[in-house]
N, C-alpha and C. Protein backbone atom coordinates (compact mmCIF):
# COMPACT_ATOMS: atom_id res chain seq x y z
N MET A 1 49.77 83.09 86.92
CA MET A 1 49.53 83.03 85.49
C MET A 1 49.96 81.65 84.99
N GLY A 2 49.14 81.06 84.12
CA GLY A 2 49.43 79.73 83.60
C GLY A 2 50.52 79.72 82.55
N ILE A 3 50.99 78.53 82.25
CA ILE A 3 52.06 78.35 81.26
C ILE A 3 51.65 78.91 79.91
N GLY A 4 50.45 78.57 79.46
CA GLY A 4 49.97 79.04 78.16
C GLY A 4 49.88 80.55 78.09
N SER A 5 49.40 81.15 79.18
CA SER A 5 49.28 82.61 79.21
C SER A 5 50.64 83.28 79.13
N VAL A 6 51.62 82.71 79.81
CA VAL A 6 52.98 83.26 79.77
C VAL A 6 53.50 83.23 78.34
N LEU A 7 53.33 82.10 77.67
CA LEU A 7 53.80 81.98 76.29
C LEU A 7 53.08 82.96 75.35
N ARG A 8 51.76 82.97 75.45
CA ARG A 8 50.96 83.84 74.57
C ARG A 8 51.30 85.31 74.78
N GLU A 9 51.37 85.72 76.04
CA GLU A 9 51.65 87.13 76.34
C GLU A 9 53.05 87.54 75.89
N ALA A 10 54.02 86.64 76.06
CA ALA A 10 55.38 86.95 75.61
C ALA A 10 55.41 87.09 74.09
N ARG A 11 54.71 86.22 73.40
CA ARG A 11 54.67 86.29 71.93
C ARG A 11 53.99 87.57 71.48
N MET A 12 52.88 87.90 72.10
CA MET A 12 52.14 89.10 71.69
C MET A 12 52.89 90.38 72.06
N ARG A 13 53.56 90.36 73.20
CA ARG A 13 54.36 91.52 73.64
C ARG A 13 55.46 91.83 72.63
N GLU A 14 56.03 90.78 72.05
CA GLU A 14 57.10 90.93 71.06
C GLU A 14 56.54 91.17 69.66
N GLY A 15 55.21 91.05 69.51
CA GLY A 15 54.60 91.25 68.20
C GLY A 15 54.94 90.16 67.21
N ILE A 16 55.11 88.96 67.71
CA ILE A 16 55.49 87.83 66.85
C ILE A 16 54.23 87.07 66.44
N ASP A 17 54.09 86.85 65.15
CA ASP A 17 52.97 86.06 64.65
C ASP A 17 53.27 84.58 64.86
N ILE A 18 52.24 83.82 65.18
CA ILE A 18 52.45 82.41 65.49
C ILE A 18 52.96 81.62 64.29
N THR A 19 52.64 82.06 63.07
CA THR A 19 53.16 81.38 61.88
C THR A 19 54.67 81.60 61.73
N ASP A 20 55.15 82.74 62.21
CA ASP A 20 56.60 82.98 62.19
C ASP A 20 57.30 82.05 63.17
N VAL A 21 56.66 81.83 64.32
CA VAL A 21 57.23 80.90 65.31
C VAL A 21 57.31 79.51 64.69
N GLU A 22 56.25 79.11 63.98
CA GLU A 22 56.24 77.80 63.33
C GLU A 22 57.40 77.66 62.36
N SER A 23 57.60 78.65 61.51
CA SER A 23 58.66 78.53 60.50
C SER A 23 60.05 78.55 61.12
N GLU A 24 60.22 79.23 62.23
CA GLU A 24 61.54 79.31 62.84
C GLU A 24 61.84 78.16 63.80
N THR A 25 60.81 77.62 64.46
CA THR A 25 61.03 76.54 65.43
C THR A 25 60.73 75.17 64.85
N LYS A 26 60.01 75.15 63.73
CA LYS A 26 59.56 73.90 63.09
C LYS A 26 58.51 73.17 63.93
N ILE A 27 57.89 73.88 64.86
CA ILE A 27 56.78 73.33 65.64
C ILE A 27 55.50 73.79 64.94
N ARG A 28 54.66 72.86 64.56
CA ARG A 28 53.44 73.21 63.83
C ARG A 28 52.55 74.14 64.65
N THR A 29 51.85 75.01 63.93
CA THR A 29 51.00 76.01 64.56
C THR A 29 49.97 75.38 65.48
N LYS A 30 49.41 74.26 65.08
CA LYS A 30 48.38 73.62 65.93
C LYS A 30 48.96 73.22 67.29
N PHE A 31 50.24 72.84 67.33
CA PHE A 31 50.87 72.48 68.59
C PHE A 31 51.20 73.73 69.41
N LEU A 32 51.62 74.79 68.73
CA LEU A 32 51.90 76.05 69.44
C LEU A 32 50.62 76.58 70.08
N ARG A 33 49.52 76.51 69.35
CA ARG A 33 48.24 76.95 69.92
C ARG A 33 47.83 76.04 71.08
N ALA A 34 48.07 74.76 70.93
CA ALA A 34 47.74 73.82 72.02
C ALA A 34 48.55 74.15 73.27
N LEU A 35 49.82 74.53 73.10
CA LEU A 35 50.64 74.92 74.24
C LEU A 35 50.07 76.18 74.89
N GLU A 36 49.71 77.14 74.07
CA GLU A 36 49.16 78.39 74.60
C GLU A 36 47.81 78.18 75.29
N ASN A 37 47.08 77.17 74.87
CA ASN A 37 45.78 76.86 75.48
C ASN A 37 45.87 75.77 76.54
N GLU A 38 47.10 75.30 76.78
CA GLU A 38 47.37 74.24 77.76
C GLU A 38 46.55 72.98 77.47
N GLU A 39 46.43 72.68 76.19
CA GLU A 39 45.77 71.45 75.75
C GLU A 39 46.84 70.40 75.48
N TRP A 40 47.43 69.92 76.56
CA TRP A 40 48.60 69.05 76.49
C TRP A 40 48.34 67.79 75.68
N GLU A 41 47.15 67.23 75.80
CA GLU A 41 46.84 65.98 75.10
C GLU A 41 46.88 66.16 73.58
N MET A 42 46.69 67.38 73.10
CA MET A 42 46.75 67.66 71.67
C MET A 42 48.19 67.58 71.15
N VAL A 43 49.15 67.82 72.05
CA VAL A 43 50.56 67.83 71.65
C VAL A 43 51.11 66.42 71.58
N GLY A 44 50.80 65.63 72.58
CA GLY A 44 51.33 64.27 72.62
C GLY A 44 51.75 63.91 74.03
N ASP A 45 52.75 63.06 74.12
CA ASP A 45 53.21 62.62 75.44
C ASP A 45 53.96 63.74 76.16
N ASP A 46 54.19 63.54 77.45
CA ASP A 46 54.81 64.57 78.28
C ASP A 46 56.20 64.97 77.80
N THR A 47 56.94 64.02 77.27
CA THR A 47 58.29 64.32 76.79
C THR A 47 58.24 65.30 75.62
N LEU A 48 57.29 65.09 74.71
CA LEU A 48 57.15 65.99 73.58
C LEU A 48 56.68 67.36 74.02
N VAL A 49 55.75 67.41 74.97
CA VAL A 49 55.27 68.69 75.49
C VAL A 49 56.44 69.47 76.10
N LYS A 50 57.25 68.80 76.90
CA LYS A 50 58.40 69.48 77.54
C LYS A 50 59.38 69.99 76.48
N SER A 51 59.62 69.19 75.47
CA SER A 51 60.54 69.61 74.41
C SER A 51 60.01 70.84 73.68
N PHE A 52 58.72 70.81 73.33
CA PHE A 52 58.12 71.96 72.65
C PHE A 52 58.10 73.18 73.56
N LEU A 53 57.81 72.98 74.85
CA LEU A 53 57.82 74.11 75.78
C LEU A 53 59.20 74.77 75.82
N ARG A 54 60.25 73.95 75.90
CA ARG A 54 61.61 74.48 75.94
C ARG A 54 61.91 75.29 74.68
N THR A 55 61.62 74.70 73.54
CA THR A 55 61.93 75.35 72.27
C THR A 55 61.15 76.65 72.11
N TYR A 56 59.87 76.60 72.42
CA TYR A 56 59.01 77.78 72.27
C TYR A 56 59.45 78.88 73.23
N ALA A 57 59.68 78.53 74.49
CA ALA A 57 60.10 79.52 75.48
C ALA A 57 61.43 80.17 75.08
N GLN A 58 62.39 79.37 74.66
CA GLN A 58 63.69 79.91 74.25
C GLN A 58 63.53 80.83 73.05
N HIS A 59 62.68 80.46 72.12
CA HIS A 59 62.45 81.31 70.95
C HIS A 59 61.88 82.67 71.36
N LEU A 60 61.07 82.67 72.41
CA LEU A 60 60.48 83.93 72.89
C LEU A 60 61.39 84.68 73.85
N GLY A 61 62.57 84.12 74.14
CA GLY A 61 63.50 84.76 75.05
C GLY A 61 63.18 84.52 76.51
N LEU A 62 62.40 83.48 76.79
CA LEU A 62 62.03 83.14 78.16
C LEU A 62 62.92 82.01 78.68
N ASP A 63 63.06 81.94 79.99
CA ASP A 63 63.75 80.82 80.61
C ASP A 63 62.77 79.65 80.63
N PRO A 64 63.09 78.55 79.94
CA PRO A 64 62.13 77.44 79.86
C PRO A 64 62.00 76.62 81.14
N ARG A 65 63.00 76.68 82.02
CA ARG A 65 62.99 75.82 83.20
C ARG A 65 61.75 75.98 84.07
N PRO A 66 61.35 77.20 84.44
CA PRO A 66 60.15 77.32 85.28
C PRO A 66 58.89 76.80 84.60
N LEU A 67 58.80 76.98 83.29
CA LEU A 67 57.62 76.51 82.57
C LEU A 67 57.57 74.99 82.56
N VAL A 68 58.71 74.36 82.29
CA VAL A 68 58.77 72.90 82.28
C VAL A 68 58.51 72.35 83.69
N GLU A 69 59.07 73.01 84.71
CA GLU A 69 58.83 72.57 86.09
C GLU A 69 57.35 72.69 86.45
N ASP A 70 56.72 73.80 86.06
CA ASP A 70 55.29 73.97 86.33
C ASP A 70 54.48 72.89 85.63
N PHE A 71 54.84 72.58 84.40
CA PHE A 71 54.15 71.52 83.67
C PHE A 71 54.31 70.19 84.39
N THR A 72 55.54 69.87 84.77
CA THR A 72 55.81 68.60 85.44
C THR A 72 55.06 68.51 86.76
N LEU A 73 55.08 69.58 87.54
CA LEU A 73 54.35 69.58 88.81
C LEU A 73 52.85 69.43 88.58
N GLY A 74 52.34 70.10 87.57
CA GLY A 74 50.92 69.99 87.26
C GLY A 74 50.53 68.59 86.86
N ARG A 75 51.38 67.94 86.09
CA ARG A 75 51.09 66.57 85.65
C ARG A 75 51.17 65.60 86.82
N SER A 76 52.15 65.80 87.71
CA SER A 76 52.26 64.88 88.85
C SER A 76 51.10 65.06 89.81
N SER A 77 50.59 66.30 89.96
CA SER A 77 49.45 66.50 90.83
C SER A 77 48.19 65.92 90.19
N GLU A 78 48.10 65.95 88.86
CA GLU A 78 46.97 65.30 88.18
C GLU A 78 47.00 63.80 88.42
N GLN A 79 48.19 63.21 88.34
CA GLN A 79 48.32 61.77 88.55
C GLN A 79 47.97 61.39 89.99
N SER A 80 48.42 62.21 90.96
CA SER A 80 48.12 61.88 92.36
C SER A 80 46.65 62.09 92.66
N ALA A 81 45.99 63.01 91.96
CA ALA A 81 44.55 63.22 92.17
C ALA A 81 43.77 62.02 91.65
N ILE A 82 44.26 61.41 90.60
CA ILE A 82 43.61 60.23 90.04
C ILE A 82 43.86 59.04 90.96
N GLY A 83 45.03 59.01 91.55
CA GLY A 83 45.39 57.89 92.42
C GLY A 83 46.10 56.81 91.64
N PRO A 84 46.60 55.80 92.34
CA PRO A 84 47.31 54.73 91.65
C PRO A 84 46.35 53.91 90.80
N LEU A 85 46.87 53.37 89.73
CA LEU A 85 46.05 52.53 88.87
C LEU A 85 45.74 51.21 89.57
N PRO A 86 44.56 50.67 89.36
CA PRO A 86 44.26 49.35 89.89
C PRO A 86 45.24 48.33 89.31
N THR A 87 45.47 47.25 90.02
CA THR A 87 46.46 46.26 89.62
C THR A 87 46.23 45.78 88.19
N GLY A 88 45.02 45.57 87.80
CA GLY A 88 44.72 45.07 86.46
C GLY A 88 45.05 46.05 85.36
N LEU A 89 45.24 47.34 85.68
CA LEU A 89 45.50 48.35 84.67
C LEU A 89 46.96 48.76 84.59
N ARG A 90 47.79 48.22 85.41
CA ARG A 90 49.21 48.56 85.35
C ARG A 90 49.83 47.97 84.10
N GLY A 91 51.04 48.40 83.80
CA GLY A 91 51.73 47.94 82.59
C GLY A 91 51.85 46.43 82.55
N ARG A 92 51.67 45.87 81.37
CA ARG A 92 51.73 44.42 81.21
C ARG A 92 53.11 43.87 81.55
N THR A 93 54.16 44.61 81.23
CA THR A 93 55.49 44.09 81.50
C THR A 93 55.74 43.93 82.98
N GLU A 94 55.11 44.80 83.78
CA GLU A 94 55.29 44.71 85.23
C GLU A 94 54.74 43.39 85.76
N GLN A 95 53.63 42.89 85.20
CA GLN A 95 53.02 41.66 85.66
C GLN A 95 53.48 40.45 84.86
N ALA A 96 53.74 40.62 83.59
CA ALA A 96 53.99 39.49 82.71
C ALA A 96 55.41 38.94 82.83
N SER A 97 56.37 39.76 83.13
CA SER A 97 57.76 39.30 83.10
C SER A 97 58.02 38.10 84.00
N PRO A 98 57.67 38.12 85.28
CA PRO A 98 57.93 36.94 86.11
C PRO A 98 57.19 35.70 85.60
N PHE A 99 55.96 35.87 85.15
CA PHE A 99 55.20 34.75 84.62
C PHE A 99 55.87 34.17 83.38
N LEU A 100 56.27 35.06 82.46
CA LEU A 100 56.90 34.59 81.23
C LEU A 100 58.21 33.87 81.51
N LEU A 101 58.96 34.38 82.46
CA LEU A 101 60.22 33.71 82.81
C LEU A 101 59.96 32.32 83.36
N ARG A 102 58.98 32.20 84.24
CA ARG A 102 58.65 30.88 84.81
C ARG A 102 58.13 29.94 83.73
N ALA A 103 57.28 30.45 82.84
CA ALA A 103 56.73 29.62 81.77
C ALA A 103 57.83 29.14 80.84
N ALA A 104 58.74 30.03 80.49
CA ALA A 104 59.85 29.65 79.61
C ALA A 104 60.74 28.61 80.28
N LEU A 105 60.99 28.78 81.56
CA LEU A 105 61.81 27.80 82.30
C LEU A 105 61.11 26.45 82.36
N ALA A 106 59.81 26.46 82.62
CA ALA A 106 59.05 25.21 82.70
C ALA A 106 59.04 24.49 81.35
N LEU A 107 58.85 25.24 80.26
CA LEU A 107 58.86 24.63 78.93
C LEU A 107 60.24 24.07 78.59
N GLY A 108 61.26 24.79 78.97
CA GLY A 108 62.62 24.31 78.73
C GLY A 108 62.91 23.02 79.48
N LEU A 109 62.49 22.97 80.74
CA LEU A 109 62.69 21.75 81.53
C LEU A 109 61.88 20.59 80.97
N LEU A 110 60.65 20.87 80.54
CA LEU A 110 59.81 19.83 79.95
C LEU A 110 60.44 19.29 78.67
N ALA A 111 60.95 20.18 77.83
CA ALA A 111 61.60 19.76 76.59
C ALA A 111 62.84 18.92 76.89
N ALA A 112 63.62 19.33 77.89
CA ALA A 112 64.81 18.56 78.26
C ALA A 112 64.42 17.18 78.79
N ALA A 113 63.36 17.10 79.59
CA ALA A 113 62.91 15.81 80.13
C ALA A 113 62.43 14.89 79.00
N VAL A 114 61.67 15.43 78.05
CA VAL A 114 61.19 14.63 76.92
C VAL A 114 62.38 14.14 76.11
N LEU A 115 63.34 14.99 75.87
CA LEU A 115 64.54 14.60 75.12
C LEU A 115 65.30 13.49 75.83
N LEU A 116 65.45 13.59 77.15
CA LEU A 116 66.14 12.56 77.92
C LEU A 116 65.39 11.23 77.84
N VAL A 117 64.07 11.28 77.91
CA VAL A 117 63.29 10.04 77.81
C VAL A 117 63.44 9.43 76.43
N LEU A 118 63.38 10.23 75.40
CA LEU A 118 63.52 9.71 74.04
C LEU A 118 64.91 9.14 73.81
N VAL A 119 65.94 9.81 74.30
CA VAL A 119 67.31 9.30 74.14
C VAL A 119 67.48 8.02 74.93
N GLY A 120 66.92 7.99 76.14
CA GLY A 120 67.04 6.81 77.00
C GLY A 120 66.33 5.59 76.45
N THR A 121 65.26 5.78 75.71
CA THR A 121 64.52 4.64 75.15
C THR A 121 64.98 4.30 73.74
N GLY A 122 65.89 5.08 73.21
CA GLY A 122 66.45 4.82 71.90
C GLY A 122 65.56 5.21 70.75
N ARG A 123 64.64 6.11 70.94
CA ARG A 123 63.71 6.53 69.89
C ARG A 123 64.24 7.70 69.05
N THR A 124 65.43 8.18 69.29
CA THR A 124 65.92 9.30 68.49
C THR A 124 66.80 8.85 67.37
């Protein structure tokens, strides 16, 4: 049984209306429905999904750990099915940092050399 089905069935078994869950957990109904339908992208990033899963599961009297673990495993298997990102699509900081450091060092050395030449020729 999927994560969403577990949440929905627990809520219905207890006879809890989803609007009551919203008022008590402060999680908007559209996000609660997205969790029940496993529409993770509607909720937001993985951290927010995990947080909402924990809160919702605890509110229903469920242990949130297995649900969060299932979500995490499902997301990691989705990522491995897609495969690693091509080099050009990886995070900019991963590629840019060494370049920026070298560029900053080169500009600093160039500025120091220009300053030394100007001081040496008496133009300052």
